[in-house]
């Protein structure tokens, strides 16, 4: 017997991609130091996933698709997409995954790893966005 999930459309996100769905689907990716942020609106039946590679977008203004590589840009972009669908910020369920320390850090280094920075920025931007 097959599970109902086996019939759902599947979307695999590469680093720097994001995807928003408005019907039941499976969104998946693989993370290390990157951060995956999921958004879900039960009322709308819509969900999204972004796969942020670096913490902050260095470009002033909207950089287009290149901005999706950045955690801060991707989170703000998806928050506004859900605004446009009529979702209130209070109804969104948001989860953060990844942010691992997969790259070697020199002993005694006081610098944060890229994984830690990605997670910190995700937490900060989500708080700012409500």
Foldseek 3Di string as FASTA:
>chain_A
DDDPLVPAAEDEDDQLDKDKDQADHHYYYDAALWKKKKKDAPVRNMMMIATAQFADDPDPDDPPSNQSNHLLSVVVVVLVVVVVVVDDLVRMDMDMDHLHQPDDDDPPDPDDGRSVSNVVSNVVSNVVSD
